[in-house]
């Protein structure tokens, strides 16, 4: 039984970078999967951030998106079955995915509490 937990393959949201943190959290009855990926440097992190956002933006059933035009460090994407937030912090790319449909405004309202639990 212990070998199962040692050798089981982790399911990841993206296939780039080194997964350094993964956890499931609940905020106000909303469930989220939080993953953090480390890259060689901030330039690689930004490159893959843009690639991941581009890859997810072409998925079907995209309802809404929100990003900071001047900052380019975070993006919210709201799909029919889930919502997701990508953010770049130095050499780390953070992905937060809701496990059920949620509006971007509700996601933003939960974000401060998500950060408190992630650390």
C-alpha atoms as a PDB file:
ATOM      1  CA  UNK A   1       0.000   0.000   0.000  1.00  0.00           C
ATOM      2  CA  UNK A   2       2.827   2.419   0.796  1.00  0.00           C
ATOM      3  CA  UNK A   3       4.410   1.697  -2.588  1.00  0.00           C
ATOM      4  CA  UNK A   4       1.208   2.911  -4.260  1.00  0.00           C
ATOM      5  CA  UNK A   5       1.652   6.390  -2.749  1.00  0.00           C
ATOM      6  CA  UNK A   6       5.372   6.473  -3.515  1.00  0.00           C
ATOM      7  CA  UNK A   7       5.139   5.399  -7.157  1.00  0.00           C
ATOM      8  CA  UNK A   8       1.767   6.752  -8.230  1.00  0.00           C
ATOM      9  CA  UNK A   9       1.949   9.247 -11.042  1.00  0.00           C
ATOM     10  CA  UNK A  10       0.661  12.674 -10.117  1.00  0.00           C
ATOM     11  CA  UNK A  11      -1.956  14.164 -12.384  1.00  0.00           C
ATOM     12  CA  UNK A  12      -0.846  17.672 -13.407  1.00  0.00           C
ATOM     13  CA  UNK A  13      -2.663  20.583 -14.990  1.00  0.00           C
ATOM     14  CA  UNK A  14       0.226  21.462 -17.304  1.00  0.00           C
ATOM     15  CA  UNK A  15       3.138  19.531 -18.719  1.00  0.00           C
ATOM     16  CA  UNK A  16       5.842  22.194 -18.364  1.00  0.00           C
ATOM     17  CA  UNK A  17       8.201  22.906 -15.488  1.00  0.00           C
ATOM     18  CA  UNK A  18       8.845  21.039 -12.268  1.00  0.00           C
ATOM     19  CA  UNK A  19       5.771  20.501 -10.091  1.00  0.00           C
ATOM     20  CA  UNK A  20       6.854  21.693  -6.627  1.00  0.00           C
ATOM     21  CA  UNK A  21       3.521  22.019  -4.816  1.00  0.00           C
ATOM     22  CA  UNK A  22       0.083  20.487  -5.300  1.00  0.00           C
ATOM     23  CA  UNK A  23      -2.907  20.623  -2.996  1.00  0.00           C
ATOM     24  CA  UNK A  24      -6.678  20.703  -2.919  1.00  0.00           C
ATOM     25  CA  UNK A  25      -8.378  23.362  -0.816  1.00  0.00           C
ATOM     26  CA  UNK A  26     -11.926  24.516  -0.095  1.00  0.00           C
ATOM     27  CA  UNK A  27     -12.958  28.149   0.308  1.00  0.00           C
ATOM     28  CA  UNK A  28     -16.625  29.011   0.970  1.00  0.00           C
ATOM     29  CA  UNK A  29     -17.818  25.685  -0.500  1.00  0.00           C
ATOM     30  CA  UNK A  30     -15.703  26.184  -3.638  1.00  0.00           C
ATOM     31  CA  UNK A  31     -13.100  23.480  -4.217  1.00  0.00           C
ATOM     32  CA  UNK A  32      -9.791  24.296  -5.894  1.00  0.00           C
ATOM     33  CA  UNK A  33      -6.752  22.396  -7.110  1.00  0.00           C
ATOM     34  CA  UNK A  34      -3.608  24.516  -6.601  1.00  0.00           C
ATOM     35  CA  UNK A  35      -0.342  23.645  -8.359  1.00  0.00           C
ATOM     36  CA  UNK A  36       2.977  25.467  -8.503  1.00  0.00           C
ATOM     37  CA  UNK A  37       5.647  24.797 -11.116  1.00  0.00           C
ATOM     38  CA  UNK A  38       9.260  25.965 -10.948  1.00  0.00           C
ATOM     39  CA  UNK A  39      11.321  26.925 -13.993  1.00  0.00           C
ATOM     40  CA  UNK A  40      15.013  27.648 -14.593  1.00  0.00           C
ATOM     41  CA  UNK A  41      14.486  31.396 -14.325  1.00  0.00           C
ATOM     42  CA  UNK A  42      11.875  34.160 -14.597  1.00  0.00           C
ATOM     43  CA  UNK A  43      12.274  34.372 -18.385  1.00  0.00           C
ATOM     44  CA  UNK A  44      11.367  30.688 -18.808  1.00  0.00           C
ATOM     45  CA  UNK A  45       8.505  31.112 -16.371  1.00  0.00           C
ATOM     46  CA  UNK A  46       7.095  34.015 -18.397  1.00  0.00           C
ATOM     47  CA  UNK A  47       7.535  32.119 -21.676  1.00  0.00           C
ATOM     48  CA  UNK A  48       5.617  29.082 -20.389  1.00  0.00           C
ATOM     49  CA  UNK A  49       3.017  31.284 -18.676  1.00  0.00           C
ATOM     50  CA  UNK A  50       2.199  32.828 -22.069  1.00  0.00           C
ATOM     51  CA  UNK A  51       2.213  29.387 -23.731  1.00  0.00           C
ATOM     52  CA  UNK A  52      -0.110  27.845 -21.133  1.00  0.00           C
ATOM     53  CA  UNK A  53      -2.540  30.775 -21.284  1.00  0.00           C
ATOM     54  CA  UNK A  54      -2.531  30.550 -25.088  1.00  0.00           C
ATOM     55  CA  UNK A  55      -3.089  26.764 -24.986  1.00  0.00           C
ATOM     56  CA  UNK A  56      -6.010  27.054 -22.564  1.00  0.00           C
ATOM     57  CA  UNK A  57      -7.538  30.063 -24.358  1.00  0.00           C
ATOM     58  CA  UNK A  58      -8.311  27.987 -27.437  1.00  0.00           C
ATOM     59  CA  UNK A  59     -10.141  25.259 -25.519  1.00  0.00           C
ATOM     60  CA  UNK A  60     -13.865  24.990 -26.274  1.00  0.00           C
ATOM     61  CA  UNK A  61     -16.532  26.416 -23.975  1.00  0.00           C
ATOM     62  CA  UNK A  62     -14.513  29.471 -22.885  1.00  0.00           C
ATOM     63  CA  UNK A  63     -17.058  31.901 -21.452  1.00  0.00           C
ATOM     64  CA  UNK A  64     -14.982  34.797 -20.125  1.00  0.00           C
ATOM     65  CA  UNK A  65     -11.383  35.800 -19.540  1.00  0.00           C
ATOM     66  CA  UNK A  66      -9.733  38.486 -17.456  1.00  0.00           C
ATOM     67  CA  UNK A  67      -6.146  39.651 -17.370  1.00  0.00           C
ATOM     68  CA  UNK A  68      -4.172  42.755 -16.525  1.00  0.00           C
ATOM     69  CA  UNK A  69      -3.166  44.335 -19.819  1.00  0.00           C
ATOM     70  CA  UNK A  70      -0.271  46.239 -18.211  1.00  0.00           C
ATOM     71  CA  UNK A  71       1.005  43.581 -15.815  1.00  0.00           C
ATOM     72  CA  UNK A  72       0.829  40.258 -17.749  1.00  0.00           C
ATOM     73  CA  UNK A  73       1.377  38.292 -14.551  1.00  0.00           C
ATOM     74  CA  UNK A  74      -2.076  36.744 -14.088  1.00  0.00           C
ATOM     75  CA  UNK A  75      -4.992  35.507 -16.184  1.00  0.00           C
ATOM     76  CA  UNK A  76      -8.432  34.168 -15.265  1.00  0.00           C
ATOM     77  CA  UNK A  77     -10.261  31.895 -17.708  1.00  0.00           C
ATOM     78  CA  UNK A  78     -13.864  30.861 -17.076  1.00  0.00           C
ATOM     79  CA  UNK A  79     -15.042  27.741 -18.878  1.00  0.00           C
ATOM     80  CA  UNK A  80     -18.369  25.945 -18.706  1.00  0.00           C
ATOM     81  CA  UNK A  81     -17.111  23.078 -16.482  1.00  0.00           C
ATOM     82  CA  UNK A  82     -14.437  24.967 -14.455  1.00  0.00           C
ATOM     83  CA  UNK A  83     -12.455  28.200 -14.056  1.00  0.00           C
ATOM     84  CA  UNK A  84      -8.699  28.571 -13.830  1.00  0.00           C
ATOM     85  CA  UNK A  85      -6.193  31.229 -12.772  1.00  0.00           C
ATOM     86  CA  UNK A  86      -2.611  31.330 -14.003  1.00  0.00           C
ATOM     87  CA  UNK A  87      -0.093  33.602 -12.328  1.00  0.00           C
ATOM     88  CA  UNK A  88       3.647  34.102 -12.675  1.00  0.00           C
ATOM     89  CA  UNK A  89       5.827  34.939  -9.654  1.00  0.00           C
ATOM     90  CA  UNK A  90       9.521  35.089 -10.552  1.00  0.00           C
ATOM     91  CA  UNK A  91      10.508  31.577 -11.629  1.00  0.00           C
ATOM     92  CA  UNK A  92       7.219  30.022 -10.416  1.00  0.00           C
ATOM     93  CA  UNK A  93       3.997  29.514 -12.360  1.00  0.00           C
ATOM     94  CA  UNK A  94       0.926  29.032 -10.184  1.00  0.00           C
ATOM     95  CA  UNK A  95      -2.212  27.317 -11.516  1.00  0.00           C
ATOM     96  CA  UNK A  96      -5.449  27.363  -9.521  1.00  0.00           C
ATOM     97  CA  UNK A  97      -8.359  25.420 -10.997  1.00  0.00           C
ATOM     98  CA  UNK A  98     -11.879  25.287  -9.605  1.00  0.00           C
ATOM     99  CA  UNK A  99     -13.263  21.773  -9.538  1.00  0.00           C
ATOM    100  CA  UNK A 100     -16.761  23.036 -10.452  1.00  0.00           C
ATOM    101  CA  UNK A 101     -18.023  25.979 -12.503  1.00  0.00           C
ATOM    102  CA  UNK A 102     -17.453  29.342 -10.815  1.00  0.00           C
ATOM    103  CA  UNK A 103     -17.578  32.927 -12.056  1.00  0.00           C
ATOM    104  CA  UNK A 104     -14.415  34.997 -12.292  1.00  0.00           C
ATOM    105  CA  UNK A 105     -15.818  37.464  -9.737  1.00  0.00           C
ATOM    106  CA  UNK A 106     -16.411  34.654  -7.211  1.00  0.00           C
ATOM    107  CA  UNK A 107     -12.924  33.288  -7.962  1.00  0.00           C
ATOM    108  CA  UNK A 108     -11.419  36.733  -7.291  1.00  0.00           C
ATOM    109  CA  UNK A 109     -13.376  36.998  -4.030  1.00  0.00           C
ATOM    110  CA  UNK A 110     -11.900  33.659  -2.889  1.00  0.00           C
ATOM    111  CA  UNK A 111      -8.352  34.414  -4.045  1.00  0.00           C
ATOM    112  CA  UNK A 112      -7.142  36.129  -0.846  1.00  0.00           C
ATOM    113  CA  UNK A 113      -8.252  33.151   1.247  1.00  0.00           C
ATOM    114  CA  UNK A 114      -6.695  30.747  -1.259  1.00  0.00           C
ATOM    115  CA  UNK A 115      -3.339  32.493  -0.801  1.00  0.00           C
ATOM    116  CA  UNK A 116      -3.635  32.240   2.985  1.00  0.00           C
ATOM    117  CA  UNK A 117      -4.032  28.454   2.745  1.00  0.00           C
ATOM    118  CA  UNK A 118      -1.342  27.978   0.111  1.00  0.00           C
ATOM    119  CA  UNK A 119       1.201  29.944   2.087  1.00  0.00           C
END
